[in-house]
């Protein structure tokens, strides 16, 4: 995560200095329908725009079916032509569910960063007993990714009072990794969240930033 933070700071200096040579960086946020992956991606994308980056975001999902995979692709830099991320092109993957991290691992660069939520969501075949949820998922990921950070975002959100805020906990961790803490994230969150859950999500954001 420190390497990604350093690269983003270098990009910011180049853009603000008018050099326009900052390389494009690619992020994948992956999860399961109902986890708030797309909301977190939209909030993050707006923050990157406010930081001065050209940002492109794309969604791949079956959101109508809760429990289906959800993937958002975000590219940012001085000038971005397309949000599409190919195999081995992602500088970082943020996985809201650990098996989803395994699914998207081929997209991560050899020296890429993986942030994974230690959380399980059972798909229908597992719930009906047709299949078993894989074991040893975290061990598998940690053996294959040198820069792997594991979070218990679901438990952190539960301690705050609502597990649905786990997406904002993870968002806070990503913001920290990108070195974007100085932006007015409170204002951005207020734009996207209902007033009744705003304060809870501010606490979730702070928990992620302090992880």
Protein backbone atom coordinates (compact mmCIF):
# COMPACT_ATOMS: atom_id res chain seq x y z
CA UNK A 1 0.00 0.00 0.00
CA UNK A 2 2.88 2.38 0.69
CA UNK A 3 4.22 1.90 -2.83
CA UNK A 4 0.85 2.78 -4.35
CA UNK A 5 0.60 5.83 -2.09
CA UNK A 6 4.04 7.01 -3.21
CA UNK A 7 3.18 6.57 -6.89
CA UNK A 8 -0.04 8.55 -6.54
CA UNK A 9 1.77 11.40 -4.80
CA UNK A 10 4.27 11.50 -7.66
CA UNK A 11 1.40 11.62 -10.14
CA UNK A 12 -0.23 14.49 -8.24
CA UNK A 13 2.99 16.53 -8.33
CA UNK A 14 3.33 15.98 -12.09
CA UNK A 15 -0.27 16.98 -12.81
CA UNK A 16 -0.23 20.03 -10.55
CA UNK A 17 3.09 21.08 -12.07
CA UNK A 18 1.65 20.99 -15.57
CA UNK A 19 3.91 18.15 -16.71
CA UNK A 20 0.97 15.97 -17.82
CA UNK A 21 3.21 12.92 -17.91
CA UNK A 22 1.69 11.08 -14.99
CA UNK A 23 1.12 7.42 -15.88
CA UNK A 24 -2.38 6.03 -15.74
CA UNK A 25 -3.15 3.90 -12.70
CA UNK A 26 -5.78 1.17 -12.58
CA UNK A 27 -7.92 0.03 -9.65
CA UNK A 28 -10.42 -2.81 -9.41
CA UNK A 29 -13.08 -2.81 -6.69
CA UNK A 30 -14.76 -6.20 -6.56
CA UNK A 31 -17.48 -7.66 -4.42
CA UNK A 32 -20.96 -9.11 -4.33
CA UNK A 33 -24.28 -7.45 -5.07
CA UNK A 34 -25.59 -5.60 -2.03
CA UNK A 35 -22.18 -4.80 -0.53
CA UNK A 36 -22.07 -1.21 -1.76
CA UNK A 37 -19.12 -1.71 -4.10
CA UNK A 38 -20.44 0.72 -6.71
CA UNK A 39 -21.24 3.41 -4.15
CA UNK A 40 -17.68 3.23 -2.81
CA UNK A 41 -16.35 3.42 -6.38
CA UNK A 42 -18.41 6.51 -7.18
CA UNK A 43 -17.28 8.29 -4.03
CA UNK A 44 -13.64 7.39 -4.73
CA UNK A 45 -13.91 8.49 -8.38
CA UNK A 46 -15.29 11.88 -7.38
CA UNK A 47 -12.45 12.36 -4.93
CA UNK A 48 -9.90 11.54 -7.62
CA UNK A 49 -11.53 14.06 -9.96
CA UNK A 50 -11.34 16.73 -7.26
CA UNK A 51 -7.67 15.89 -6.87
CA UNK A 52 -7.18 16.87 -10.51
CA UNK A 53 -7.02 13.50 -12.24
CA UNK A 54 -8.78 12.49 -15.41
CA UNK A 55 -10.92 9.57 -14.22
CA UNK A 56 -12.81 6.85 -16.08
CA UNK A 57 -15.01 4.30 -14.32
CA UNK A 58 -16.84 1.28 -15.65
CA UNK A 59 -19.17 -1.24 -13.99
CA UNK A 60 -19.55 -4.95 -14.68
CA UNK A 61 -22.32 -6.45 -12.61
CA UNK A 62 -25.63 -8.20 -12.28
CA UNK A 63 -26.83 -5.86 -9.58
CA UNK A 64 -30.45 -6.89 -9.96
CA UNK A 65 -29.50 -10.26 -8.52
CA UNK A 66 -28.25 -9.86 -4.98
CA UNK A 67 -25.32 -12.18 -4.52
CA UNK A 68 -23.92 -11.81 -8.03
CA UNK A 69 -20.39 -10.55 -8.66
CA UNK A 70 -19.89 -6.79 -8.97
CA UNK A 71 -16.73 -5.30 -10.47
CA UNK A 72 -15.89 -1.64 -10.97
CA UNK A 73 -12.89 -0.58 -12.99
CA UNK A 74 -11.31 2.79 -12.28
CA UNK A 75 -8.45 4.35 -14.21
CA UNK A 76 -6.98 7.72 -13.32
CA UNK A 77 -4.09 9.84 -14.51
CA UNK A 78 -3.29 12.94 -16.56
CA UNK A 79 -5.32 11.63 -19.49
CA UNK A 80 -7.33 8.39 -19.56
CA UNK A 81 -8.75 6.99 -22.79
CA UNK A 82 -10.71 4.02 -21.43
CA UNK A 83 -11.59 2.50 -18.04
CA UNK A 84 -11.13 -1.08 -19.22
CA UNK A 85 -8.50 -3.02 -17.26
CA UNK A 86 -6.91 -6.04 -18.90
CA UNK A 87 -5.21 -9.08 -17.39
CA UNK A 88 -2.16 -8.12 -15.34
CA UNK A 89 -2.93 -4.39 -15.55
CA UNK A 90 -4.44 -3.50 -12.15
CA UNK A 91 -2.15 -1.62 -9.78
CA UNK A 92 -4.50 -2.50 -6.94
CA UNK A 93 -7.52 -4.67 -6.23
CA UNK A 94 -9.89 -3.98 -3.35
CA UNK A 95 -11.98 -7.08 -2.65
CA UNK A 96 -15.10 -6.72 -0.54
CA UNK A 97 -15.43 -10.53 -0.39
CA UNK A 98 -12.48 -12.89 -0.35
CA UNK A 99 -13.51 -15.37 -3.07
CA UNK A 100 -14.11 -12.39 -5.36
CA UNK A 101 -10.45 -11.51 -4.78
CA UNK A 102 -9.48 -14.94 -6.12
CA UNK A 103 -11.71 -14.50 -9.19
CA UNK A 104 -10.05 -11.20 -10.10
CA UNK A 105 -6.47 -12.06 -9.13
CA UNK A 106 -5.38 -12.56 -12.80
CA UNK A 107 -5.98 -8.83 -13.36
CA UNK A 108 -3.44 -7.79 -10.70
CA UNK A 109 0.07 -6.74 -11.71
CA UNK A 110 2.94 -8.87 -10.44
CA UNK A 111 3.87 -6.10 -7.99
CA UNK A 112 0.28 -4.98 -7.41
CA UNK A 113 -1.48 -4.31 -4.12
CA UNK A 114 -4.38 -6.41 -2.81
CA UNK A 115 -6.69 -5.22 -0.04
CA UNK A 116 -9.13 -7.97 0.90
CA UNK A 117 -12.06 -8.01 3.30
CA UNK A 118 -12.00 -11.15 5.44
CA UNK A 119 -15.66 -11.81 4.77
CA UNK A 120 -17.66 -14.65 3.24
CA UNK A 121 -20.89 -14.40 1.28
CA UNK A 122 -22.30 -17.75 0.25
CA UNK A 123 -23.67 -17.98 -3.29
CA UNK A 124 -26.84 -19.93 -4.00
CA UNK A 125 -25.09 -23.23 -4.89
CA UNK A 126 -23.39 -23.18 -1.48
CA UNK A 127 -26.60 -22.25 0.34
CA UNK A 128 -28.45 -25.13 -1.33
CA UNK A 129 -25.67 -27.62 -0.56
CA UNK A 130 -24.69 -28.21 -4.19
CA UNK A 131 -21.19 -26.81 -3.62
CA UNK A 132 -18.90 -25.98 -0.73
CA UNK A 133 -17.39 -22.60 0.00
CA UNK A 134 -13.61 -22.82 -0.63
CA UNK A 135 -11.33 -23.17 2.37
CA UNK A 136 -7.91 -21.58 2.82
CA UNK A 137 -8.77 -18.58 0.66
CA UNK A 138 -6.73 -16.03 2.61
CA UNK A 139 -3.71 -18.32 2.75
CA UNK A 140 -3.97 -18.81 -1.02
CA UNK A 141 -4.04 -15.05 -1.62
CA UNK A 142 -1.21 -14.27 0.78
CA UNK A 143 1.06 -16.84 -0.89
CA UNK A 144 0.48 -15.35 -4.32
CA UNK A 145 0.42 -11.64 -3.54
CA UNK A 146 3.37 -10.13 -1.70
CA UNK A 147 1.52 -6.88 -0.96
CA UNK A 148 -1.65 -8.31 0.55
CA UNK A 149 -3.53 -6.50 3.32
CA UNK A 150 -6.39 -8.28 5.08
CA UNK A 151 -9.15 -6.29 6.82
CA UNK A 152 -12.13 -7.37 8.92
CA UNK A 153 -14.23 -4.53 7.54
CA UNK A 154 -17.47 -6.36 8.27
CA UNK A 155 -16.60 -6.73 11.96
CA UNK A 156 -15.44 -3.11 12.17
CA UNK A 157 -18.74 -1.95 10.68
CA UNK A 158 -20.69 -4.23 13.02
CA UNK A 159 -18.99 -2.63 16.02
CA UNK A 160 -20.11 0.76 14.71
CA UNK A 161 -23.70 -0.47 14.53
CA UNK A 162 -24.36 -1.55 10.93
CA UNK A 163 -22.49 -4.08 8.78
CA UNK A 164 -23.68 -2.28 5.64
CA UNK A 165 -21.04 0.36 6.36
CA UNK A 166 -18.25 -2.11 5.57
CA UNK A 167 -17.94 -0.59 2.09
CA UNK A 168 -17.07 2.79 3.61
CA UNK A 169 -14.58 1.16 5.98
CA UNK A 170 -12.83 -0.32 2.93
CA UNK A 171 -13.12 3.01 1.13
CA UNK A 172 -11.27 4.67 4.00
CA UNK A 173 -8.44 2.15 3.72
CA UNK A 174 -8.18 2.80 -0.04
CA UNK A 175 -8.16 6.57 0.48
CA UNK A 176 -5.30 6.16 2.93
CA UNK A 177 -3.39 3.90 0.54
CA UNK A 178 -3.76 6.50 -2.22
CA UNK A 179 -2.66 9.35 0.03
CA UNK A 180 -5.91 11.28 -0.47
CA UNK A 181 -6.76 11.91 3.18
CA UNK A 182 -6.68 15.71 2.80
CA UNK A 183 -9.72 15.86 0.51
CA UNK A 184 -13.10 16.86 1.95
CA UNK A 185 -14.52 13.35 2.06
CA UNK A 186 -17.24 14.42 4.48
CA UNK A 187 -18.73 16.66 1.81
CA UNK A 188 -18.43 13.97 -0.86
CA UNK A 189 -20.10 11.36 1.35
CA UNK A 190 -22.91 13.77 2.15
CA UNK A 191 -23.61 14.03 -1.58
CA UNK A 192 -24.10 10.27 -1.93
CA UNK A 193 -25.59 9.15 1.40
CA UNK A 194 -29.00 9.69 3.05
CA UNK A 195 -28.91 11.91 6.12
CA UNK A 196 -30.01 9.09 8.44
CA UNK A 197 -26.85 7.02 7.78
CA UNK A 198 -24.41 9.87 7.22
CA UNK A 199 -22.91 10.02 10.73
CA UNK A 200 -22.49 6.24 10.92
CA UNK A 201 -20.64 6.22 7.62
CA UNK A 202 -18.39 9.07 8.73
CA UNK A 203 -17.34 6.83 11.61
CA UNK A 204 -16.82 3.96 9.18
CA UNK A 205 -14.65 6.16 6.96
CA UNK A 206 -12.56 7.20 9.96
CA UNK A 207 -12.13 3.56 11.00
CA UNK A 208 -10.82 2.70 7.53
CA UNK A 209 -8.48 5.69 7.48
CA UNK A 210 -7.06 4.62 10.84
CA UNK A 211 -6.63 0.95 9.94
